[in-house]
Each structure stands twice: as structure tokens, then as C-alpha cells.
Amino acid sequence: MGASQSDVSDSGDSTVGGNVGGIVTVSPSPLSLHGGGGDGHNAPRRVGKISPEPTELITELSALTPHTPILHPGSGAGSPEVRAPPRLSRETCGSAFNGFSASARTYLSGAKAAQEDAQQRITAANKLAASTSSRVDVLTRTLDTAGARLESVDSLTVEVARLRSRLDMALAAAQKLANRLDA
């Protein structure tokens, strides 16, 4: 892989490389190249497609991650020369920070709006519960009143039945008296 692509360590068996045309490539880690637990497959392999927005984010994130030194062939000394990757400019860091802070502000404003919406729903639910409770109280009082009226109607019905019985007895006595007078 070229010096312009950053390597991010995965699980120790492979290293995720840079993004080439929307394809993330994976190459073996330095351990597997030196016989330290690799599976013998040293060729890069495709992991999957990435849309342009995540690719830009991955590029920005990889620009902010610490790099391992890049080995370059030495100038004939027999051992490779170790060079640190180029430092990031303030503009690159500033633009990445501005992008991330704008994204965080957007996320926080969305979270705040969701919290306010949830609070409004809780308030509406509390009002509905209070209204329902007052309606239940009114219904309970109405049922109590109706029950009392039914009890009074029942007592009136019993009283009417007793008066009717007395009236029937009085009518029977009057009939007997009328029969005696006729005789």
C-alpha cells in the first residue's frame, strides 16, 4: 500500500487500508508478514462498498489517527530508513475539527428537539390523565346518586305495595259492609 494511505489496526490479523474508489482494502498486518499469526494470504481483499459520505468521514478520521512509521528503502546502507509520516497542517486539523463540531452541534440540537417533544408529550399525557380522573370522579358521583335514587325508588315501591295492600283490605271491608247493609 502507498505511503499516502493510513493503516488502522483491526484485530491484529489484518490492517484496514485506505479507500480506493469507494472500496476499503484490507492487507495483512505487519505481524502476519513476519510470520506472527497471519493466515498466509498477503494480497489485499475487498471488504465492501462505502458511500461517499462515510468515505469522507473515514478519510478525515484516518487523518487524525496516529500513524506507525513508514519503512522506506535505505540509501544503500542495508537497512530500511524509518520516516515518520508528514505532520498534519493546522488547516486540515481545523477543518476536521469544524466538521466534527458542526456534526456534534447538529446531533445535540436534534437531541434537544427530541427531548422537548418528549416533554410536551409527557405534559399532554398528564393533562389527559387528570381529565380522565376528573371524569371518572364525576361518573362515580353520578352512579352513587343513581344508586341512592334507586334505593329510594325501591323503598317507595315497597311503600306503595303496602299502601295498596291496605287499600285492598279497606275495599274488602267496605264491600263486606255494603253487603251487610244490602241484606
N, C-alpha and C. Protein backbone atom coordinates (compact mmCIF):
# COMPACT_ATOMS: atom_id res chain seq x y z
N MET A 1 0.85 -1.17 0.00
CA MET A 1 0.00 0.00 0.00
C MET A 1 0.89 1.23 0.00
N GLY A 2 0.42 2.34 -0.53
CA GLY A 2 1.24 3.53 -0.65
C GLY A 2 1.40 4.27 0.65
N ALA A 3 2.31 5.22 0.64
CA ALA A 3 2.60 5.98 1.85
C ALA A 3 1.48 6.96 2.17
N SER A 4 0.60 7.26 1.19
CA SER A 4 -0.45 8.23 1.46
C SER A 4 -1.65 7.61 2.15
N GLN A 5 -1.73 6.28 2.19
CA GLN A 5 -2.87 5.64 2.83
C GLN A 5 -2.50 5.30 4.26
N SER A 6 -3.44 5.50 5.16
CA SER A 6 -3.16 5.22 6.56
C SER A 6 -3.60 3.82 6.91
N ASP A 7 -2.89 3.21 7.84
CA ASP A 7 -3.24 1.87 8.31
C ASP A 7 -3.83 1.99 9.70
N VAL A 8 -4.98 1.33 9.90
CA VAL A 8 -5.63 1.31 11.19
C VAL A 8 -5.69 -0.13 11.63
N SER A 9 -5.14 -0.46 12.78
CA SER A 9 -5.07 -1.83 13.24
C SER A 9 -6.45 -2.34 13.56
N ASP A 10 -6.77 -3.56 13.10
CA ASP A 10 -8.09 -4.15 13.32
C ASP A 10 -8.02 -5.07 14.52
N SER A 11 -7.87 -6.37 14.33
CA SER A 11 -7.80 -7.29 15.45
C SER A 11 -6.42 -7.88 15.59
N GLY A 12 -5.48 -7.40 14.82
CA GLY A 12 -4.13 -7.94 14.88
C GLY A 12 -3.83 -8.86 13.73
N ASP A 13 -4.84 -9.41 13.06
CA ASP A 13 -4.61 -10.30 11.94
C ASP A 13 -4.53 -9.55 10.62
N SER A 14 -5.21 -8.44 10.52
CA SER A 14 -5.19 -7.69 9.27
C SER A 14 -5.23 -6.22 9.59
N THR A 15 -4.92 -5.43 8.58
CA THR A 15 -4.90 -3.99 8.73
C THR A 15 -5.81 -3.40 7.68
N VAL A 16 -6.70 -2.51 8.09
CA VAL A 16 -7.60 -1.87 7.14
C VAL A 16 -6.84 -0.75 6.47
N GLY A 17 -6.82 -0.77 5.15
CA GLY A 17 -6.07 0.24 4.41
C GLY A 17 -6.94 1.40 4.02
N GLY A 18 -6.43 2.20 3.13
CA GLY A 18 -7.14 3.39 2.68
C GLY A 18 -8.31 3.05 1.79
N ASN A 19 -8.93 4.06 1.26
CA ASN A 19 -10.11 3.91 0.44
C ASN A 19 -9.71 4.18 -1.01
N VAL A 20 -9.94 3.21 -1.87
CA VAL A 20 -9.61 3.37 -3.27
C VAL A 20 -10.90 3.26 -4.05
N GLY A 21 -11.41 4.36 -4.56
CA GLY A 21 -12.61 4.34 -5.38
C GLY A 21 -13.83 3.82 -4.64
N GLY A 22 -13.97 4.10 -3.37
CA GLY A 22 -15.12 3.64 -2.62
C GLY A 22 -14.98 2.23 -2.10
N ILE A 23 -13.84 1.55 -2.31
CA ILE A 23 -13.61 0.19 -1.82
C ILE A 23 -12.60 0.25 -0.69
N VAL A 24 -12.92 -0.35 0.42
CA VAL A 24 -11.96 -0.44 1.52
C VAL A 24 -11.16 -1.70 1.31
N THR A 25 -9.85 -1.57 1.34
CA THR A 25 -9.00 -2.74 1.15
C THR A 25 -8.39 -3.14 2.48
N VAL A 26 -8.14 -4.43 2.63
CA VAL A 26 -7.54 -4.96 3.85
C VAL A 26 -6.29 -5.70 3.46
N SER A 27 -5.19 -5.39 4.11
CA SER A 27 -3.95 -6.10 3.86
C SER A 27 -3.50 -6.73 5.16
N PRO A 28 -2.63 -7.72 5.09
CA PRO A 28 -2.19 -8.36 6.32
C PRO A 28 -1.43 -7.38 7.21
N SER A 29 -1.50 -7.63 8.50
CA SER A 29 -0.80 -6.76 9.44
C SER A 29 0.69 -7.08 9.39
N PRO A 30 1.51 -6.20 9.95
CA PRO A 30 2.95 -6.48 9.98
C PRO A 30 3.26 -7.79 10.68
N LEU A 31 2.44 -8.20 11.64
CA LEU A 31 2.68 -9.48 12.31
C LEU A 31 2.57 -10.64 11.34
N SER A 32 1.54 -10.60 10.46
CA SER A 32 1.36 -11.73 9.56
C SER A 32 2.42 -11.72 8.46
N LEU A 33 2.98 -10.56 8.12
CA LEU A 33 4.04 -10.53 7.13
C LEU A 33 5.32 -11.16 7.67
N HIS A 34 5.51 -11.06 8.96
CA HIS A 34 6.72 -11.60 9.58
C HIS A 34 6.47 -12.94 10.23
N GLY A 35 5.35 -13.59 9.92
CA GLY A 35 5.06 -14.90 10.47
C GLY A 35 4.45 -14.84 11.85
N GLY A 36 3.88 -13.73 12.26
CA GLY A 36 3.34 -13.59 13.60
C GLY A 36 1.85 -13.81 13.67
N GLY A 37 1.32 -14.89 13.16
CA GLY A 37 -0.09 -15.20 13.33
C GLY A 37 -0.93 -14.92 12.10
N GLY A 38 -0.33 -14.66 10.95
CA GLY A 38 -1.11 -14.42 9.75
C GLY A 38 -1.59 -15.71 9.14
N ASP A 39 -2.50 -15.62 8.18
CA ASP A 39 -3.04 -16.83 7.57
C ASP A 39 -2.37 -17.14 6.23
N GLY A 40 -1.33 -16.41 5.87
CA GLY A 40 -0.62 -16.70 4.63
C GLY A 40 -1.14 -15.96 3.43
N HIS A 41 -2.25 -15.29 3.54
CA HIS A 41 -2.79 -14.53 2.41
C HIS A 41 -2.34 -13.10 2.55
N ASN A 42 -1.41 -12.70 1.71
CA ASN A 42 -0.84 -11.36 1.82
C ASN A 42 -1.46 -10.38 0.84
N ALA A 43 -2.35 -10.84 -0.03
CA ALA A 43 -2.93 -9.95 -1.02
C ALA A 43 -4.07 -9.16 -0.39
N PRO A 44 -4.23 -7.89 -0.81
CA PRO A 44 -5.37 -7.12 -0.30
C PRO A 44 -6.68 -7.76 -0.74
N ARG A 45 -7.71 -7.64 0.07
CA ARG A 45 -9.01 -8.17 -0.30
C ARG A 45 -10.06 -7.10 -0.10
N ARG A 46 -11.18 -7.22 -0.83
CA ARG A 46 -12.26 -6.24 -0.73
C ARG A 46 -13.14 -6.57 0.46
N VAL A 47 -13.52 -5.52 1.18
CA VAL A 47 -14.40 -5.71 2.32
C VAL A 47 -15.82 -5.30 1.95
N GLY A 48 -16.00 -4.19 1.30
CA GLY A 48 -17.34 -3.77 0.91
C GLY A 48 -17.34 -2.36 0.38
N LYS A 49 -18.46 -2.00 -0.24
CA LYS A 49 -18.63 -0.65 -0.77
C LYS A 49 -18.95 0.32 0.36
N ILE A 50 -18.49 1.53 0.21
CA ILE A 50 -18.80 2.58 1.18
C ILE A 50 -19.30 3.78 0.39
N SER A 51 -20.37 4.39 0.87
CA SER A 51 -20.91 5.55 0.17
C SER A 51 -19.96 6.73 0.34
N PRO A 52 -20.09 7.76 -0.49
CA PRO A 52 -19.14 8.88 -0.44
C PRO A 52 -19.09 9.60 0.90
N GLU A 53 -20.24 9.76 1.61
CA GLU A 53 -20.21 10.49 2.86
C GLU A 53 -19.36 9.78 3.91
N PRO A 54 -19.58 8.46 4.16
CA PRO A 54 -18.71 7.79 5.13
C PRO A 54 -17.26 7.77 4.69
N THR A 55 -17.00 7.72 3.37
CA THR A 55 -15.63 7.71 2.90
C THR A 55 -14.92 8.98 3.32
N GLU A 56 -15.62 10.12 3.16
CA GLU A 56 -15.00 11.38 3.58
C GLU A 56 -14.75 11.38 5.08
N LEU A 57 -15.71 10.83 5.83
CA LEU A 57 -15.54 10.78 7.28
C LEU A 57 -14.39 9.87 7.65
N ILE A 58 -14.27 8.72 6.97
CA ILE A 58 -13.17 7.80 7.24
C ILE A 58 -11.85 8.46 6.90
N THR A 59 -11.82 9.19 5.79
CA THR A 59 -10.59 9.88 5.41
C THR A 59 -10.21 10.90 6.48
N GLU A 60 -11.22 11.67 6.96
CA GLU A 60 -10.93 12.66 8.00
C GLU A 60 -10.48 11.99 9.28
N LEU A 61 -11.14 10.88 9.64
CA LEU A 61 -10.76 10.17 10.86
C LEU A 61 -9.36 9.59 10.74
N SER A 62 -9.05 9.01 9.57
CA SER A 62 -7.73 8.42 9.41
C SER A 62 -6.65 9.49 9.40
N ALA A 63 -7.02 10.72 9.00
CA ALA A 63 -6.04 11.80 9.04
C ALA A 63 -5.73 12.20 10.47
N LEU A 64 -6.63 11.91 11.40
CA LEU A 64 -6.42 12.30 12.78
C LEU A 64 -5.84 11.19 13.64
N THR A 65 -5.79 9.95 13.12
CA THR A 65 -5.26 8.84 13.92
C THR A 65 -3.75 8.83 13.86
N PRO A 66 -3.09 8.39 14.92
CA PRO A 66 -1.62 8.33 14.88
C PRO A 66 -1.16 7.27 13.89
N HIS A 67 -0.10 7.57 13.18
CA HIS A 67 0.44 6.66 12.18
C HIS A 67 1.62 5.89 12.74
N THR A 68 1.81 4.70 12.21
CA THR A 68 3.04 3.97 12.51
C THR A 68 4.10 4.46 11.54
N PRO A 69 5.35 4.40 11.91
CA PRO A 69 6.39 4.85 10.98
C PRO A 69 6.35 4.04 9.69
N ILE A 70 6.63 4.70 8.60
CA ILE A 70 6.63 4.06 7.29
C ILE A 70 8.07 3.69 6.94
N LEU A 71 8.27 2.44 6.52
CA LEU A 71 9.61 1.98 6.17
C LEU A 71 9.87 2.28 4.70
N HIS A 72 10.96 2.94 4.43
CA HIS A 72 11.37 3.23 3.06
C HIS A 72 12.72 2.56 2.84
N PRO A 73 12.98 2.14 1.62
CA PRO A 73 14.29 1.55 1.37
C PRO A 73 15.39 2.54 1.72
N GLY A 74 16.41 2.06 2.33
CA GLY A 74 17.53 2.92 2.72
C GLY A 74 18.35 3.35 1.52
N SER A 75 19.26 4.20 1.76
CA SER A 75 20.10 4.71 0.68
C SER A 75 21.35 3.85 0.55
N GLY A 76 21.16 2.55 0.45
CA GLY A 76 22.28 1.66 0.26
C GLY A 76 22.94 1.21 1.54
N ALA A 77 22.40 1.55 2.68
CA ALA A 77 23.02 1.19 3.95
C ALA A 77 22.67 -0.22 4.37
N GLY A 78 21.74 -0.88 3.70
CA GLY A 78 21.38 -2.24 4.03
C GLY A 78 20.14 -2.36 4.89
N SER A 79 19.82 -1.38 5.68
CA SER A 79 18.60 -1.43 6.49
C SER A 79 17.64 -0.35 6.02
N PRO A 80 16.36 -0.61 6.15
CA PRO A 80 15.41 0.41 5.70
C PRO A 80 15.46 1.65 6.59
N GLU A 81 15.19 2.76 5.99
CA GLU A 81 15.17 4.03 6.71
C GLU A 81 13.76 4.24 7.27
N VAL A 82 13.65 4.62 8.53
CA VAL A 82 12.35 4.84 9.15
C VAL A 82 12.04 6.33 9.09
N ARG A 83 10.93 6.66 8.44
CA ARG A 83 10.50 8.05 8.34
C ARG A 83 9.11 8.18 8.95
N ALA A 84 8.92 9.20 9.72
CA ALA A 84 7.59 9.47 10.28
C ALA A 84 6.72 10.06 9.18
N PRO A 85 5.43 9.82 9.23
CA PRO A 85 4.55 10.41 8.22
C PRO A 85 4.54 11.93 8.35
N PRO A 86 4.16 12.60 7.29
CA PRO A 86 4.14 14.06 7.35
C PRO A 86 3.13 14.54 8.39
N ARG A 87 3.47 15.64 9.06
CA ARG A 87 2.57 16.20 10.07
C ARG A 87 1.36 16.83 9.41
N LEU A 88 0.28 16.84 10.12
CA LEU A 88 -0.94 17.46 9.60
C LEU A 88 -0.84 18.97 9.75
N SER A 89 -1.38 19.66 8.78
CA SER A 89 -1.36 21.12 8.85
C SER A 89 -2.48 21.60 9.79
N ARG A 90 -2.34 22.83 10.25
CA ARG A 90 -3.37 23.39 11.12
C ARG A 90 -4.69 23.51 10.38
N GLU A 91 -4.62 23.81 9.08
CA GLU A 91 -5.85 23.96 8.30
C GLU A 91 -6.61 22.64 8.23
N THR A 92 -5.86 21.53 8.02
CA THR A 92 -6.50 20.22 7.95
C THR A 92 -7.14 19.87 9.28
N CYS A 93 -6.39 20.07 10.35
CA CYS A 93 -6.93 19.77 11.69
C CYS A 93 -8.11 20.68 12.00
N GLY A 94 -7.98 21.96 11.66
CA GLY A 94 -9.07 22.91 11.93
C GLY A 94 -10.32 22.57 11.16
N SER A 95 -10.17 22.22 9.88
CA SER A 95 -11.36 21.89 9.09
C SER A 95 -11.99 20.59 9.59
N ALA A 96 -11.17 19.62 9.97
CA ALA A 96 -11.72 18.37 10.52
C ALA A 96 -12.45 18.65 11.83
N PHE A 97 -11.84 19.48 12.68
CA PHE A 97 -12.49 19.82 13.95
C PHE A 97 -13.79 20.57 13.71
N ASN A 98 -13.78 21.52 12.78
CA ASN A 98 -15.00 22.27 12.48
C ASN A 98 -16.09 21.35 11.96
N GLY A 99 -15.71 20.40 11.10
CA GLY A 99 -16.69 19.45 10.59
C GLY A 99 -17.28 18.60 11.70
N PHE A 100 -16.42 18.09 12.58
CA PHE A 100 -16.91 17.26 13.68
C PHE A 100 -17.74 18.07 14.66
N SER A 101 -17.33 19.32 14.95
CA SER A 101 -18.10 20.12 15.90
C SER A 101 -19.46 20.51 15.29
N ALA A 102 -19.50 20.78 13.98
CA ALA A 102 -20.79 21.07 13.34
C ALA A 102 -21.70 19.85 13.40
N SER A 103 -21.12 18.68 13.17
CA SER A 103 -21.90 17.44 13.26
C SER A 103 -22.40 17.23 14.68
N ALA A 104 -21.56 17.51 15.67
CA ALA A 104 -21.97 17.35 17.07
C ALA A 104 -23.06 18.35 17.43
N ARG A 105 -22.94 19.59 16.94
CA ARG A 105 -23.97 20.59 17.22
C ARG A 105 -25.30 20.16 16.61
N THR A 106 -25.25 19.64 15.38
CA THR A 106 -26.48 19.18 14.73
C THR A 106 -27.10 18.04 15.53
N TYR A 107 -26.27 17.11 15.96
CA TYR A 107 -26.76 15.98 16.76
C TYR A 107 -27.38 16.47 18.07
N LEU A 108 -26.70 17.40 18.74
CA LEU A 108 -27.21 17.91 20.02
C LEU A 108 -28.50 18.69 19.85
N SER A 109 -28.60 19.47 18.77
CA SER A 109 -29.85 20.21 18.56
C SER A 109 -30.99 19.24 18.27
N GLY A 110 -30.70 18.17 17.52
CA GLY A 110 -31.73 17.15 17.29
C GLY A 110 -32.13 16.45 18.57
N ALA A 111 -31.16 16.17 19.42
CA ALA A 111 -31.46 15.52 20.71
C ALA A 111 -32.27 16.45 21.59
N LYS A 112 -31.95 17.75 21.56
CA LYS A 112 -32.70 18.72 22.37
C LYS A 112 -34.13 18.82 21.87
N ALA A 113 -34.31 18.84 20.54
CA ALA A 113 -35.66 18.90 19.98
C ALA A 113 -36.45 17.64 20.36
N ALA A 114 -35.80 16.49 20.33
CA ALA A 114 -36.47 15.25 20.72
C ALA A 114 -36.85 15.27 22.19
N GLN A 115 -35.97 15.84 23.02
CA GLN A 115 -36.26 15.94 24.45
C GLN A 115 -37.45 16.87 24.70
N GLU A 116 -37.49 18.01 23.98
CA GLU A 116 -38.61 18.94 24.14
C GLU A 116 -39.91 18.30 23.67
N ASP A 117 -39.85 17.54 22.57
CA ASP A 117 -41.04 16.85 22.07
C ASP A 117 -41.52 15.83 23.10
N ALA A 118 -40.59 15.08 23.68
CA ALA A 118 -40.96 14.10 24.70
C ALA A 118 -41.58 14.79 25.92
N GLN A 119 -41.03 15.95 26.30
CA GLN A 119 -41.58 16.69 27.44
C GLN A 119 -42.99 17.16 27.15
N GLN A 120 -43.23 17.63 25.92
CA GLN A 120 -44.58 18.06 25.55
C GLN A 120 -45.55 16.89 25.57
N ARG A 121 -45.10 15.72 25.11
CA ARG A 121 -45.96 14.54 25.13
C ARG A 121 -46.27 14.11 26.56
N ILE A 122 -45.28 14.21 27.44
CA ILE A 122 -45.50 13.86 28.85
C ILE A 122 -46.51 14.82 29.47
N THR A 123 -46.38 16.12 29.17
CA THR A 123 -47.32 17.11 29.69
C THR A 123 -48.73 16.83 29.19
N ALA A 124 -48.85 16.53 27.89
CA ALA A 124 -50.17 16.21 27.33
C ALA A 124 -50.75 14.95 27.97
N ALA A 125 -49.91 13.95 28.20
CA ALA A 125 -50.38 12.71 28.84
C ALA A 125 -50.83 12.98 30.27
N ASN A 126 -50.11 13.84 30.98
CA ASN A 126 -50.51 14.20 32.35
C ASN A 126 -51.86 14.93 32.36
N LYS A 127 -52.05 15.85 31.40
CA LYS A 127 -53.33 16.56 31.30
C LYS A 127 -54.46 15.58 31.00
N LEU A 128 -54.22 14.65 30.08
CA LEU A 128 -55.23 13.65 29.74
C LEU A 128 -55.56 12.78 30.94
N ALA A 129 -54.53 12.39 31.70
CA ALA A 129 -54.76 11.57 32.90
C ALA A 129 -55.58 12.34 33.93
N ALA A 130 -55.28 13.63 34.12
CA ALA A 130 -56.05 14.44 35.07
C ALA A 130 -57.49 14.58 34.61
N SER A 131 -57.69 14.83 33.31
CA SER A 131 -59.04 14.95 32.76
C SER A 131 -59.81 13.64 32.92
N THR A 132 -59.14 12.54 32.62
CA THR A 132 -59.78 11.23 32.76
C THR A 132 -60.14 10.96 34.22
N SER A 133 -59.25 11.33 35.12
CA SER A 133 -59.50 11.13 36.55
C SER A 133 -60.71 11.94 37.01
N SER A 134 -60.81 13.19 36.55
CA SER A 134 -61.96 14.02 36.94
C SER A 134 -63.25 13.45 36.34
N ARG A 135 -63.18 12.94 35.12
CA ARG A 135 -64.37 12.33 34.51
C ARG A 135 -64.79 11.08 35.27
N VAL A 136 -63.82 10.29 35.70
CA VAL A 136 -64.13 9.09 36.49
C VAL A 136 -64.78 9.49 37.81
N ASP A 137 -64.28 10.57 38.43
CA ASP A 137 -64.89 11.05 39.68
C ASP A 137 -66.33 11.48 39.46
N VAL A 138 -66.58 12.22 38.38
CA VAL A 138 -67.95 12.66 38.07
C VAL A 138 -68.84 11.45 37.82
N LEU A 139 -68.35 10.49 37.08
CA LEU A 139 -69.13 9.28 36.80
C LEU A 139 -69.42 8.51 38.08
N THR A 140 -68.45 8.44 38.98
CA THR A 140 -68.65 7.75 40.26
C THR A 140 -69.73 8.44 41.08
N ARG A 141 -69.69 9.78 41.13
CA ARG A 141 -70.72 10.52 41.86
C ARG A 141 -72.09 10.31 41.23
N THR A 142 -72.15 10.32 39.89
CA THR A 142 -73.42 10.10 39.20
C THR A 142 -73.97 8.72 39.51
N LEU A 143 -73.09 7.72 39.50
CA LEU A 143 -73.55 6.36 39.82
C LEU A 143 -74.01 6.26 41.27
N ASP A 144 -73.31 6.93 42.18
CA ASP A 144 -73.74 6.94 43.58
C ASP A 144 -75.12 7.58 43.73
N THR A 145 -75.33 8.71 43.02
CA THR A 145 -76.62 9.39 43.06
C THR A 145 -77.72 8.49 42.49
N ALA A 146 -77.40 7.85 41.36
CA ALA A 146 -78.39 6.96 40.75
C ALA A 146 -78.70 5.78 41.67
N GLY A 147 -77.67 5.26 42.34
CA GLY A 147 -77.91 4.17 43.29
C GLY A 147 -78.79 4.61 44.44
N ALA A 148 -78.55 5.82 44.95
CA ALA A 148 -79.39 6.33 46.04
C ALA A 148 -80.82 6.52 45.57
N ARG A 149 -80.99 7.00 44.35
CA ARG A 149 -82.34 7.18 43.81
C ARG A 149 -83.02 5.83 43.62
N LEU A 150 -82.26 4.84 43.16
CA LEU A 150 -82.85 3.51 43.01
C LEU A 150 -83.27 2.95 44.36
N GLU A 151 -82.47 3.20 45.38
CA GLU A 151 -82.85 2.74 46.72
C GLU A 151 -84.13 3.44 47.19
N SER A 152 -84.21 4.74 46.92
CA SER A 152 -85.44 5.46 47.32
C SER A 152 -86.63 4.99 46.49
N VAL A 153 -86.41 4.69 45.21
CA VAL A 153 -87.49 4.15 44.38
C VAL A 153 -87.91 2.78 44.91
N ASP A 154 -86.93 1.97 45.30
CA ASP A 154 -87.26 0.66 45.86
C ASP A 154 -88.08 0.82 47.14
N SER A 155 -87.65 1.74 48.01
CA SER A 155 -88.41 1.94 49.25
C SER A 155 -89.81 2.49 48.95
N LEU A 156 -89.91 3.37 47.93
CA LEU A 156 -91.22 3.88 47.53
C LEU A 156 -92.08 2.75 46.96
N THR A 157 -91.46 1.86 46.20
CA THR A 157 -92.21 0.73 45.64
C THR A 157 -92.74 -0.15 46.77
N VAL A 158 -91.92 -0.39 47.78
CA VAL A 158 -92.36 -1.18 48.94
C VAL A 158 -93.50 -0.45 49.66
N GLU A 159 -93.36 0.85 49.82
CA GLU A 159 -94.40 1.65 50.50
C GLU A 159 -95.69 1.63 49.70
N VAL A 160 -95.60 1.78 48.37
CA VAL A 160 -96.79 1.74 47.52
C VAL A 160 -97.44 0.37 47.61
N ALA A 161 -96.64 -0.69 47.62
CA ALA A 161 -97.21 -2.04 47.73
C ALA A 161 -97.92 -2.20 49.07
N ARG A 162 -97.38 -1.68 50.14
CA ARG A 162 -98.02 -1.78 51.46
C ARG A 162 -99.32 -0.97 51.48
N LEU A 163 -99.27 0.27 50.90
CA LEU A 163 -100.50 1.07 50.82
C LEU A 163 -101.56 0.39 49.96
N ARG A 164 -101.14 -0.23 48.90
CA ARG A 164 -102.10 -0.93 48.03
C ARG A 164 -102.72 -2.11 48.77
N SER A 165 -101.89 -2.79 49.53
CA SER A 165 -102.42 -3.90 50.33
C SER A 165 -103.45 -3.39 51.33
N ARG A 166 -103.16 -2.26 52.00
CA ARG A 166 -104.12 -1.68 52.94
C ARG A 166 -105.39 -1.22 52.23
N LEU A 167 -105.17 -0.63 51.04
CA LEU A 167 -106.33 -0.19 50.26
C LEU A 167 -107.21 -1.38 49.87
N ASP A 168 -106.54 -2.46 49.46
CA ASP A 168 -107.30 -3.67 49.10
C ASP A 168 -108.07 -4.20 50.32
N MET A 169 -107.43 -4.17 51.49
CA MET A 169 -108.11 -4.62 52.71
C MET A 169 -109.28 -3.70 53.03
N ALA A 170 -109.06 -2.38 52.85
CA ALA A 170 -110.14 -1.42 53.12
C ALA A 170 -111.30 -1.62 52.14
N LEU A 171 -110.97 -1.86 50.88
CA LEU A 171 -112.01 -2.12 49.87
C LEU A 171 -112.78 -3.40 50.20
N ALA A 172 -112.07 -4.41 50.65
CA ALA A 172 -112.73 -5.67 51.01
C ALA A 172 -113.66 -5.46 52.21
N ALA A 173 -113.19 -4.67 53.20
CA ALA A 173 -114.02 -4.38 54.37
C ALA A 173 -115.24 -3.56 53.97
N ALA A 174 -115.04 -2.59 53.07
CA ALA A 174 -116.16 -1.77 52.59
C ALA A 174 -117.15 -2.63 51.82
N GLN A 175 -116.68 -3.57 51.06
CA GLN A 175 -117.56 -4.47 50.30
C GLN A 175 -118.40 -5.33 51.27
N LYS A 176 -117.75 -5.81 52.33
CA LYS A 176 -118.48 -6.61 53.31
C LYS A 176 -119.55 -5.75 54.00
N LEU A 177 -119.16 -4.52 54.31
CA LEU A 177 -120.11 -3.62 54.96
C LEU A 177 -121.28 -3.30 54.02
N ALA A 178 -120.98 -3.10 52.77
CA ALA A 178 -122.03 -2.82 51.79
C ALA A 178 -122.94 -4.03 51.64
N ASN A 179 -122.40 -5.20 51.67
CA ASN A 179 -123.21 -6.42 51.55
C ASN A 179 -124.11 -6.57 52.78
N ARG A 180 -123.64 -6.22 53.95
CA ARG A 180 -124.45 -6.30 55.15
C ARG A 180 -125.59 -5.27 55.11
N LEU A 181 -125.26 -4.10 54.61
CA LEU A 181 -126.30 -3.08 54.54
C LEU A 181 -127.38 -3.46 53.53
N ASP A 182 -126.98 -4.10 52.49
CA ASP A 182 -127.95 -4.53 51.48
C ASP A 182 -128.83 -5.67 52.04
N ALA A 183 -128.35 -6.42 52.92
CA ALA A 183 -129.10 -7.57 53.41
C ALA A 183 -130.08 -7.21 54.46
